[in-house]
Amino acid sequence: MIRRVIQLSVALAWTLQAAQAHGLEKGSCGPIESVLANLNAAGQHLVATGTAIAEGQLEADPRMVSILFLVDPERRGGYILQTDKLSNLGAASLCVRNRLEGVRLYDPWLSGTRSDSLVRTTEEEADQGCVPVLADEYVRQGCEWLNSILQRSEETDRRLLLQGRDVKITEDGERADELLTVLIGNPSRPRTESLSFAYIYFSSPDGATTISRMFNNAEITEDGERLVTEGEDFLPNRVDGHEIGASGTRDPLSPLTYPLTY
């Protein structure tokens, strides 16, 4: 392990050591209380939640789980977590599904495509990257250029919530990150079955993008609303009819506690 860390850059070595100190590497699981304690120590806050079918549970009576999106206020990093069952039905454990770096939060109450969310590749490059993906018989959700998905999201009433680099470390210590993008339903609209689905996408360096996961019942927490609006140019009266609380002294962000409160 020491040899692997030495092979990495100083910045990467620090990141790995910090994450491992908290036991928060991708794929790690543990009791909710201990995982939340580690996340609090890492400065993480809950920004959004959702529900999803447990992976590999597509039978007639699937098991539902809660999906939690966390980010630190400086946006250095974040996590996507999954409970063993719905949070309000006695969830006992949490697993790290994704560990993110370089997180960007976006205000989903605002319309329009954000320029910094677009990849700097061409559609032709993405199409070439999609060729081997579409040749995989297990890929059923298709593959296309991320920019097309983001630009079309307005038509489907989906809004961008966050992006970040999904950290993947190979066995030989090399980085193999992918861009992770989360789109949710427009929170200004009343929730309906057709608008409640949300999506997690993965994009390769050439912009070839596939759906990693669908989830439902996306909700932004109070802390999440504060953090997403702090990242945008503040508009006191938003075009979309959304208005955050009056500026001024704000209470501290809420620590992560169990039972989880949104």
C-alpha atoms as a PDB file:
ATOM      1  CA  MET A   1       0.000   0.000   0.000  1.00  0.00           C
ATOM      2  CA  ILE A   2       2.831   2.381   0.876  1.00  0.00           C
ATOM      3  CA  ARG A   3       4.496   1.640  -2.448  1.00  0.00           C
ATOM      4  CA  ARG A   4       1.282   2.484  -4.325  1.00  0.00           C
ATOM      5  CA  VAL A   5       0.867   5.789  -2.528  1.00  0.00           C
ATOM      6  CA  ILE A   6       4.437   6.772  -3.316  1.00  0.00           C
ATOM      7  CA  GLN A   7       3.727   6.204  -6.985  1.00  0.00           C
ATOM      8  CA  LEU A   8       0.898   8.723  -6.915  1.00  0.00           C
ATOM      9  CA  SER A   9       1.210  12.475  -6.872  1.00  0.00           C
ATOM     10  CA  VAL A  10       1.443  14.276  -3.557  1.00  0.00           C
ATOM     11  CA  ALA A  11      -2.093  15.640  -3.954  1.00  0.00           C
ATOM     12  CA  LEU A  12      -3.542  12.226  -4.708  1.00  0.00           C
ATOM     13  CA  ALA A  13      -1.647  10.640  -1.841  1.00  0.00           C
ATOM     14  CA  TRP A  14      -3.093  13.213   0.565  1.00  0.00           C
ATOM     15  CA  THR A  15      -6.602  12.565  -0.773  1.00  0.00           C
ATOM     16  CA  LEU A  16      -6.296   8.813  -0.368  1.00  0.00           C
ATOM     17  CA  GLN A  17      -4.858   9.074   3.126  1.00  0.00           C
ATOM     18  CA  ALA A  18      -7.606  11.473   4.236  1.00  0.00           C
ATOM     19  CA  ALA A  19     -10.346   9.281   2.820  1.00  0.00           C
ATOM     20  CA  GLN A  20      -8.886   6.074   4.240  1.00  0.00           C
ATOM     21  CA  ALA A  21      -8.503   7.700   7.642  1.00  0.00           C
ATOM     22  CA  HIS A  22     -12.268   8.089   7.705  1.00  0.00           C
ATOM     23  CA  GLY A  23     -12.963   4.672   6.106  1.00  0.00           C
ATOM     24  CA  LEU A  24     -14.851   6.370   3.273  1.00  0.00           C
ATOM     25  CA  GLU A  25     -13.472   4.729   0.172  1.00  0.00           C
ATOM     26  CA  LYS A  26     -15.887   3.636  -2.535  1.00  0.00           C
ATOM     27  CA  GLY A  27     -17.537   0.347  -1.614  1.00  0.00           C
ATOM     28  CA  SER A  28     -17.008   0.685   2.130  1.00  0.00           C
ATOM     29  CA  CYS A  29     -20.014   0.000   4.380  1.00  0.00           C
ATOM     30  CA  GLY A  30     -20.757   0.266   8.061  1.00  0.00           C
ATOM     31  CA  PRO A  31     -23.344   1.003  10.756  1.00  0.00           C
ATOM     32  CA  ILE A  32     -25.121   4.285  10.087  1.00  0.00           C
ATOM     33  CA  GLU A  33     -23.963   5.937  13.315  1.00  0.00           C
ATOM     34  CA  SER A  34     -20.260   5.257  12.717  1.00  0.00           C
ATOM     35  CA  VAL A  35     -20.381   6.168   9.028  1.00  0.00           C
ATOM     36  CA  LEU A  36     -22.154   9.457   9.814  1.00  0.00           C
ATOM     37  CA  ALA A  37     -19.568  10.218  12.512  1.00  0.00           C
ATOM     38  CA  ASN A  38     -16.797   9.781   9.953  1.00  0.00           C
ATOM     39  CA  LEU A  39     -18.652  11.953   7.456  1.00  0.00           C
ATOM     40  CA  ASN A  40     -19.153  14.685  10.058  1.00  0.00           C
ATOM     41  CA  ALA A  41     -15.418  14.574  10.762  1.00  0.00           C
ATOM     42  CA  ALA A  42     -14.827  14.956   7.024  1.00  0.00           C
ATOM     43  CA  GLY A  43     -17.039  18.098   6.967  1.00  0.00           C
ATOM     44  CA  GLN A  44     -19.801  16.594   4.858  1.00  0.00           C
ATOM     45  CA  HIS A  45     -23.416  17.824   4.758  1.00  0.00           C
ATOM     46  CA  LEU A  46     -26.557  16.289   3.321  1.00  0.00           C
ATOM     47  CA  VAL A  47     -27.694  18.232   0.232  1.00  0.00           C
ATOM     48  CA  ALA A  48     -30.262  15.920  -1.373  1.00  0.00           C
ATOM     49  CA  THR A  49     -31.990  12.565  -0.977  1.00  0.00           C
ATOM     50  CA  GLY A  50     -33.885  10.090  -3.107  1.00  0.00           C
ATOM     51  CA  THR A  51     -35.118   6.511  -3.240  1.00  0.00           C
ATOM     52  CA  ALA A  52     -34.129   3.713  -5.592  1.00  0.00           C
ATOM     53  CA  ILE A  53     -34.495   0.014  -6.178  1.00  0.00           C
ATOM     54  CA  ALA A  54     -31.606  -1.889  -4.631  1.00  0.00           C
ATOM     55  CA  GLU A  55     -29.266  -2.993  -7.395  1.00  0.00           C
ATOM     56  CA  GLY A  56     -29.898  -6.546  -8.478  1.00  0.00           C
ATOM     57  CA  GLN A  57     -33.423  -6.379  -7.008  1.00  0.00           C
ATOM     58  CA  LEU A  58     -35.616  -6.006 -10.085  1.00  0.00           C
ATOM     59  CA  GLU A  59     -38.057  -8.773  -9.195  1.00  0.00           C
ATOM     60  CA  ALA A  60     -41.775  -8.266  -8.593  1.00  0.00           C
ATOM     61  CA  ASP A  61     -41.279  -7.127  -4.992  1.00  0.00           C
ATOM     62  CA  PRO A  62     -38.028  -5.120  -5.059  1.00  0.00           C
ATOM     63  CA  ARG A  63     -36.292  -3.781  -1.979  1.00  0.00           C
ATOM     64  CA  MET A  64     -36.218   0.018  -1.869  1.00  0.00           C
ATOM     65  CA  VAL A  65     -33.266   1.947  -0.463  1.00  0.00           C
ATOM     66  CA  SER A  66     -32.474   5.594   0.263  1.00  0.00           C
ATOM     67  CA  ILE A  67     -29.862   7.488  -1.746  1.00  0.00           C
ATOM     68  CA  LEU A  68     -28.022  10.313   0.025  1.00  0.00           C
ATOM     69  CA  PHE A  69     -25.975  13.054  -1.661  1.00  0.00           C
ATOM     70  CA  LEU A  70     -23.353  14.769   0.483  1.00  0.00           C
ATOM     71  CA  VAL A  71     -20.942  17.644  -0.191  1.00  0.00           C
ATOM     72  CA  ASP A  72     -18.565  19.683   1.928  1.00  0.00           C
ATOM     73  CA  PRO A  73     -19.193  23.462   1.892  1.00  0.00           C
ATOM     74  CA  GLU A  74     -15.881  24.147   0.108  1.00  0.00           C
ATOM     75  CA  ARG A  75     -16.898  21.627  -2.588  1.00  0.00           C
ATOM     76  CA  ARG A  76     -13.616  19.788  -2.400  1.00  0.00           C
ATOM     77  CA  GLY A  77     -15.431  16.482  -2.317  1.00  0.00           C
ATOM     78  CA  GLY A  78     -18.648  14.626  -1.732  1.00  0.00           C
ATOM     79  CA  TYR A  79     -20.284  11.234  -1.505  1.00  0.00           C
ATOM     80  CA  ILE A  80     -23.269   9.319  -2.786  1.00  0.00           C
ATOM     81  CA  LEU A  81     -24.416   6.856  -0.143  1.00  0.00           C
ATOM     82  CA  GLN A  82     -26.977   4.072  -0.069  1.00  0.00           C
ATOM     83  CA  THR A  83     -28.823   2.666   2.932  1.00  0.00           C
ATOM     84  CA  ASP A  84     -29.678  -1.009   3.349  1.00  0.00           C
ATOM     85  CA  LYS A  85     -33.391  -0.118   3.403  1.00  0.00           C
ATOM     86  CA  LEU A  86     -35.442   3.063   3.329  1.00  0.00           C
ATOM     87  CA  SER A  87     -34.309   5.537   5.971  1.00  0.00           C
ATOM     88  CA  ASN A  88     -37.780   5.792   7.492  1.00  0.00           C
ATOM     89  CA  LEU A  89     -38.100   2.007   7.715  1.00  0.00           C
ATOM     90  CA  GLY A  90     -35.253   1.290  10.081  1.00  0.00           C
ATOM     91  CA  ALA A  91     -32.133   1.493   7.922  1.00  0.00           C
ATOM     92  CA  ALA A  92     -29.130   0.177   9.845  1.00  0.00           C
ATOM     93  CA  SER A  93     -26.147   0.503   7.493  1.00  0.00           C
ATOM     94  CA  LEU A  94     -24.688   2.855   4.896  1.00  0.00           C
ATOM     95  CA  CYS A  95     -22.478   2.088   1.911  1.00  0.00           C
ATOM     96  CA  VAL A  96     -20.374   4.482  -0.143  1.00  0.00           C
ATOM     97  CA  ARG A  97     -21.531   4.130  -3.732  1.00  0.00           C
ATOM     98  CA  ASN A  98     -19.450   7.000  -5.097  1.00  0.00           C
ATOM     99  CA  ARG A  99     -16.691   9.225  -3.761  1.00  0.00           C
ATOM    100  CA  LEU A 100     -16.476  12.541  -5.581  1.00  0.00           C
ATOM    101  CA  GLU A 101     -13.851  15.222  -6.020  1.00  0.00           C
ATOM    102  CA  GLY A 102     -14.151  18.686  -7.518  1.00  0.00           C
ATOM    103  CA  VAL A 103     -17.899  18.858  -6.906  1.00  0.00           C
ATOM    104  CA  ARG A 104     -19.918  21.604  -8.583  1.00  0.00           C
ATOM    105  CA  LEU A 105     -23.387  22.340  -7.241  1.00  0.00           C
ATOM    106  CA  TYR A 106     -26.068  23.958  -9.385  1.00  0.00           C
ATOM    107  CA  ASP A 107     -29.331  25.632  -8.449  1.00  0.00           C
ATOM    108  CA  PRO A 108     -32.059  23.394  -9.950  1.00  0.00           C
ATOM    109  CA  TRP A 109     -34.666  26.141  -9.578  1.00  0.00           C
ATOM    110  CA  LEU A 110     -32.882  28.032 -12.345  1.00  0.00           C
ATOM    111  CA  SER A 111     -33.409  27.150 -15.995  1.00  0.00           C
ATOM    112  CA  GLY A 112     -30.793  27.128 -18.714  1.00  0.00           C
ATOM    113  CA  THR A 113     -27.702  25.087 -19.487  1.00  0.00           C
ATOM    114  CA  ARG A 114     -24.645  26.065 -17.404  1.00  0.00           C
ATOM    115  CA  SER A 115     -21.611  26.517 -19.615  1.00  0.00           C
ATOM    116  CA  ASP A 116     -19.204  25.009 -17.084  1.00  0.00           C
ATOM    117  CA  SER A 117     -21.211  21.781 -17.010  1.00  0.00           C
ATOM    118  CA  LEU A 118     -20.519  21.025 -20.675  1.00  0.00           C
ATOM    119  CA  VAL A 119     -17.678  18.765 -21.775  1.00  0.00           C
ATOM    120  CA  ARG A 120     -15.017  20.084 -24.149  1.00  0.00           C
ATOM    121  CA  THR A 121     -15.339  17.319 -26.701  1.00  0.00           C
ATOM    122  CA  THR A 122     -17.199  17.090 -29.974  1.00  0.00           C
ATOM    123  CA  GLU A 123     -20.275  15.016 -30.625  1.00  0.00           C
ATOM    124  CA  GLU A 124     -18.239  12.973 -33.100  1.00  0.00           C
ATOM    125  CA  GLU A 125     -15.693  12.117 -30.388  1.00  0.00           C
ATOM    126  CA  ALA A 126     -18.501  11.061 -28.052  1.00  0.00           C
ATOM    127  CA  ASP A 127     -20.078   8.943 -30.786  1.00  0.00           C
ATOM    128  CA  GLN A 128     -16.785   7.125 -31.246  1.00  0.00           C
ATOM    129  CA  GLY A 129     -16.577   6.581 -27.494  1.00  0.00           C
ATOM    130  CA  CYS A 130     -20.112   5.183 -27.513  1.00  0.00           C
ATOM    131  CA  VAL A 131     -19.287   2.479 -30.089  1.00  0.00           C
ATOM    132  CA  PRO A 132     -17.831  -0.075 -27.622  1.00  0.00           C
ATOM    133  CA  VAL A 133     -20.455   0.876 -25.023  1.00  0.00           C
ATOM    134  CA  LEU A 134     -23.358   0.192 -27.352  1.00  0.00           C
ATOM    135  CA  ALA A 135     -21.734  -3.073 -28.425  1.00  0.00           C
ATOM    136  CA  ASP A 136     -22.172  -4.323 -24.852  1.00  0.00           C
ATOM    137  CA  GLU A 137     -25.406  -6.300 -24.750  1.00  0.00           C
ATOM    138  CA  TYR A 138     -25.894  -5.385 -21.079  1.00  0.00           C
ATOM    139  CA  VAL A 139     -26.089  -1.642 -21.769  1.00  0.00           C
ATOM    140  CA  ARG A 140     -29.779  -0.945 -22.288  1.00  0.00           C
ATOM    141  CA  GLN A 141     -30.028   2.779 -21.599  1.00  0.00           C
ATOM    142  CA  GLY A 142     -28.076   3.931 -24.626  1.00  0.00           C
ATOM    143  CA  CYS A 143     -25.057   6.199 -24.903  1.00  0.00           C
ATOM    144  CA  GLU A 144     -24.695   9.755 -26.192  1.00  0.00           C
ATOM    145  CA  TRP A 145     -22.804  13.031 -25.878  1.00  0.00           C
ATOM    146  CA  LEU A 146     -23.223  14.606 -22.437  1.00  0.00           C
ATOM    147  CA  ASN A 147     -23.817  18.054 -23.923  1.00  0.00           C
ATOM    148  CA  SER A 148     -26.822  16.761 -25.853  1.00  0.00           C
ATOM    149  CA  ILE A 149     -28.304  15.353 -22.650  1.00  0.00           C
ATOM    150  CA  LEU A 150     -27.802  18.608 -20.765  1.00  0.00           C
ATOM    151  CA  GLN A 151     -29.140  20.789 -23.559  1.00  0.00           C
ATOM    152  CA  ARG A 152     -32.187  18.553 -23.974  1.00  0.00           C
ATOM    153  CA  SER A 153     -32.913  18.435 -20.245  1.00  0.00           C
ATOM    154  CA  GLU A 154     -34.993  21.606 -20.465  1.00  0.00           C
ATOM    155  CA  GLU A 155     -37.421  19.846 -22.781  1.00  0.00           C
ATOM    156  CA  THR A 156     -37.887  16.995 -20.286  1.00  0.00           C
ATOM    157  CA  ASP A 157     -38.087  19.388 -17.310  1.00  0.00           C
ATOM    158  CA  ARG A 158     -34.926  18.005 -15.745  1.00  0.00           C
ATOM    159  CA  ARG A 159     -32.528  20.270 -13.894  1.00  0.00           C
ATOM    160  CA  LEU A 160     -28.822  19.931 -13.148  1.00  0.00           C
ATOM    161  CA  LEU A 161     -28.014  19.422  -9.466  1.00  0.00           C
ATOM    162  CA  LEU A 162     -24.351  18.473  -9.293  1.00  0.00           C
ATOM    163  CA  GLN A 163     -21.291  17.255 -11.129  1.00  0.00           C
ATOM    164  CA  GLY A 164     -18.043  15.808  -9.847  1.00  0.00           C
ATOM    165  CA  ARG A 165     -15.257  13.384 -10.620  1.00  0.00           C
ATOM    166  CA  ASP A 166     -16.143   9.877  -9.498  1.00  0.00           C
ATOM    167  CA  VAL A 167     -12.887   8.663  -7.965  1.00  0.00           C
ATOM    168  CA  LYS A 168     -11.765   5.260  -9.152  1.00  0.00           C
ATOM    169  CA  ILE A 169      -8.404   3.796  -8.135  1.00  0.00           C
ATOM    170  CA  THR A 170      -7.162   0.747 -10.033  1.00  0.00           C
ATOM    171  CA  GLU A 171      -5.255  -2.117  -8.438  1.00  0.00           C
ATOM    172  CA  ASP A 172      -1.948  -0.588  -9.523  1.00  0.00           C
ATOM    173  CA  GLY A 173      -2.812   2.754  -7.938  1.00  0.00           C
ATOM    174  CA  GLU A 174      -3.716   4.587 -11.141  1.00  0.00           C
ATOM    175  CA  ARG A 175      -6.601   7.039 -11.396  1.00  0.00           C
ATOM    176  CA  ALA A 176      -9.456   6.136 -13.750  1.00  0.00           C
ATOM    177  CA  ASP A 177     -12.001   8.819 -12.884  1.00  0.00           C
ATOM    178  CA  GLU A 178     -15.255   9.463 -14.722  1.00  0.00           C
ATOM    179  CA  LEU A 179     -17.422  12.571 -14.716  1.00  0.00           C
ATOM    180  CA  LEU A 180     -20.596  12.023 -12.702  1.00  0.00           C
ATOM    181  CA  THR A 181     -23.669  14.184 -13.385  1.00  0.00           C
ATOM    182  CA  VAL A 182     -26.965  14.257 -11.478  1.00  0.00           C
ATOM    183  CA  LEU A 183     -30.190  15.540 -13.027  1.00  0.00           C
ATOM    184  CA  ILE A 184     -33.411  15.813 -11.024  1.00  0.00           C
ATOM    185  CA  GLY A 185     -36.952  16.958 -11.765  1.00  0.00           C
ATOM    186  CA  ASN A 186     -37.671  20.681 -11.732  1.00  0.00           C
ATOM    187  CA  PRO A 187     -38.321  21.350  -8.002  1.00  0.00           C
ATOM    188  CA  SER A 188     -40.614  24.262  -8.873  1.00  0.00           C
ATOM    189  CA  ARG A 189     -43.178  21.893 -10.345  1.00  0.00           C
ATOM    190  CA  PRO A 190     -45.616  19.744  -8.366  1.00  0.00           C
ATOM    191  CA  ARG A 191     -44.241  16.230  -8.240  1.00  0.00           C
ATOM    192  CA  THR A 192     -45.918  13.800 -10.593  1.00  0.00           C
ATOM    193  CA  GLU A 193     -44.994  10.267 -11.532  1.00  0.00           C
ATOM    194  CA  SER A 194     -43.624  11.401 -14.905  1.00  0.00           C
ATOM    195  CA  LEU A 195     -41.437  14.132 -13.382  1.00  0.00           C
ATOM    196  CA  SER A 196     -40.224  12.378 -10.250  1.00  0.00           C
ATOM    197  CA  PHE A 197     -37.517  10.276 -11.897  1.00  0.00           C
ATOM    198  CA  ALA A 198     -33.943  11.507 -11.573  1.00  0.00           C
ATOM    199  CA  TYR A 199     -30.733  10.229 -13.101  1.00  0.00           C
ATOM    200  CA  ILE A 200     -27.074   9.666 -12.329  1.00  0.00           C
ATOM    201  CA  TYR A 201     -24.895   9.690 -15.443  1.00  0.00           C
ATOM    202  CA  PHE A 202     -21.301   8.646 -16.068  1.00  0.00           C
ATOM    203  CA  SER A 203     -19.216  10.249 -18.811  1.00  0.00           C
ATOM    204  CA  SER A 204     -15.901   9.032 -20.184  1.00  0.00           C
ATOM    205  CA  PRO A 205     -13.189  11.593 -21.104  1.00  0.00           C
ATOM    206  CA  ASP A 206     -14.538  11.794 -24.673  1.00  0.00           C
ATOM    207  CA  GLY A 207     -17.998  12.781 -23.403  1.00  0.00           C
ATOM    208  CA  ALA A 208     -19.657   9.423 -24.105  1.00  0.00           C
ATOM    209  CA  THR A 209     -22.375   9.244 -21.464  1.00  0.00           C
ATOM    210  CA  THR A 210     -24.606   6.511 -20.090  1.00  0.00           C
ATOM    211  CA  ILE A 211     -27.169   6.353 -17.308  1.00  0.00           C
ATOM    212  CA  SER A 212     -25.603   4.809 -14.227  1.00  0.00           C
ATOM    213  CA  ARG A 213     -28.743   4.807 -12.106  1.00  0.00           C
ATOM    214  CA  MET A 214     -32.311   6.029 -11.943  1.00  0.00           C
ATOM    215  CA  PHE A 215     -33.819   7.155  -8.664  1.00  0.00           C
ATOM    216  CA  ASN A 216     -37.063   8.682  -7.488  1.00  0.00           C
ATOM    217  CA  ASN A 217     -38.484  11.209  -5.012  1.00  0.00           C
ATOM    218  CA  ALA A 218     -35.521  13.593  -5.263  1.00  0.00           C
ATOM    219  CA  GLU A 219     -35.624  16.151  -2.471  1.00  0.00           C
ATOM    220  CA  ILE A 220     -33.196  18.969  -1.709  1.00  0.00           C
ATOM    221  CA  THR A 221     -32.518  19.542   1.976  1.00  0.00           C
ATOM    222  CA  GLU A 222     -32.422  22.964   3.635  1.00  0.00           C
ATOM    223  CA  ASP A 223     -28.639  22.740   3.775  1.00  0.00           C
ATOM    224  CA  GLY A 224     -28.647  21.697   0.130  1.00  0.00           C
ATOM    225  CA  GLU A 225     -30.714  24.706  -0.884  1.00  0.00           C
ATOM    226  CA  ARG A 226     -28.293  27.018   0.864  1.00  0.00           C
ATOM    227  CA  LEU A 227     -25.266  25.424  -0.747  1.00  0.00           C
ATOM    228  CA  VAL A 228     -26.658  25.296  -4.280  1.00  0.00           C
ATOM    229  CA  THR A 229     -27.746  28.927  -4.205  1.00  0.00           C
ATOM    230  CA  GLU A 230     -24.426  30.082  -2.770  1.00  0.00           C
ATOM    231  CA  GLY A 231     -22.800  28.689  -5.889  1.00  0.00           C
ATOM    232  CA  GLU A 232     -24.875  30.825  -8.275  1.00  0.00           C
ATOM    233  CA  ASP A 233     -25.079  34.555  -8.878  1.00  0.00           C
ATOM    234  CA  PHE A 234     -27.726  35.512  -6.338  1.00  0.00           C
ATOM    235  CA  LEU A 235     -30.989  36.688  -7.832  1.00  0.00           C
ATOM    236  CA  PRO A 236     -33.423  37.927  -5.153  1.00  0.00           C
ATOM    237  CA  ASN A 237     -36.418  37.239  -7.401  1.00  0.00           C
ATOM    238  CA  ARG A 238     -35.746  34.230  -9.539  1.00  0.00           C
ATOM    239  CA  VAL A 239     -37.310  33.976 -12.970  1.00  0.00           C
ATOM    240  CA  ASP A 240     -38.590  30.535 -12.067  1.00  0.00           C
ATOM    241  CA  GLY A 241     -40.446  31.860  -9.039  1.00  0.00           C
ATOM    242  CA  HIS A 242     -38.047  30.486  -6.464  1.00  0.00           C
ATOM    243  CA  GLU A 243     -36.683  32.740  -3.761  1.00  0.00           C
ATOM    244  CA  ILE A 244     -34.336  31.750  -0.949  1.00  0.00           C
ATOM    245  CA  GLY A 245     -34.553  33.272   2.502  1.00  0.00           C
ATOM    246  CA  ALA A 246     -33.427  36.792   3.259  1.00  0.00           C
ATOM    247  CA  SER A 247     -29.696  37.287   3.276  1.00  0.00           C
ATOM    248  CA  GLY A 248     -27.926  38.025   6.520  1.00  0.00           C
ATOM    249  CA  THR A 249     -26.694  35.952   9.429  1.00  0.00           C
ATOM    250  CA  ARG A 250     -27.324  32.294   8.773  1.00  0.00           C
ATOM    251  CA  ASP A 251     -27.418  29.396  11.168  1.00  0.00           C
ATOM    252  CA  PRO A 252     -24.602  26.856  10.847  1.00  0.00           C
ATOM    253  CA  LEU A 253     -25.173  23.948   8.511  1.00  0.00           C
ATOM    254  CA  SER A 254     -26.715  20.950  10.223  1.00  0.00           C
ATOM    255  CA  PRO A 255     -24.512  18.061  11.370  1.00  0.00           C
ATOM    256  CA  LEU A 256     -25.348  14.594  10.118  1.00  0.00           C
ATOM    257  CA  THR A 257     -27.415  12.770  12.735  1.00  0.00           C
ATOM    258  CA  TYR A 258     -29.364   9.538  13.003  1.00  0.00           C
ATOM    259  CA  PRO A 259     -32.271   9.194  12.551  1.00  0.00           C
ATOM    260  CA  LEU A 260     -31.552  11.144   9.392  1.00  0.00           C
ATOM    261  CA  THR A 261     -33.471  14.398   9.192  1.00  0.00           C
ATOM    262  CA  TYR A 262     -33.977  16.182   5.888  1.00  0.00           C
END
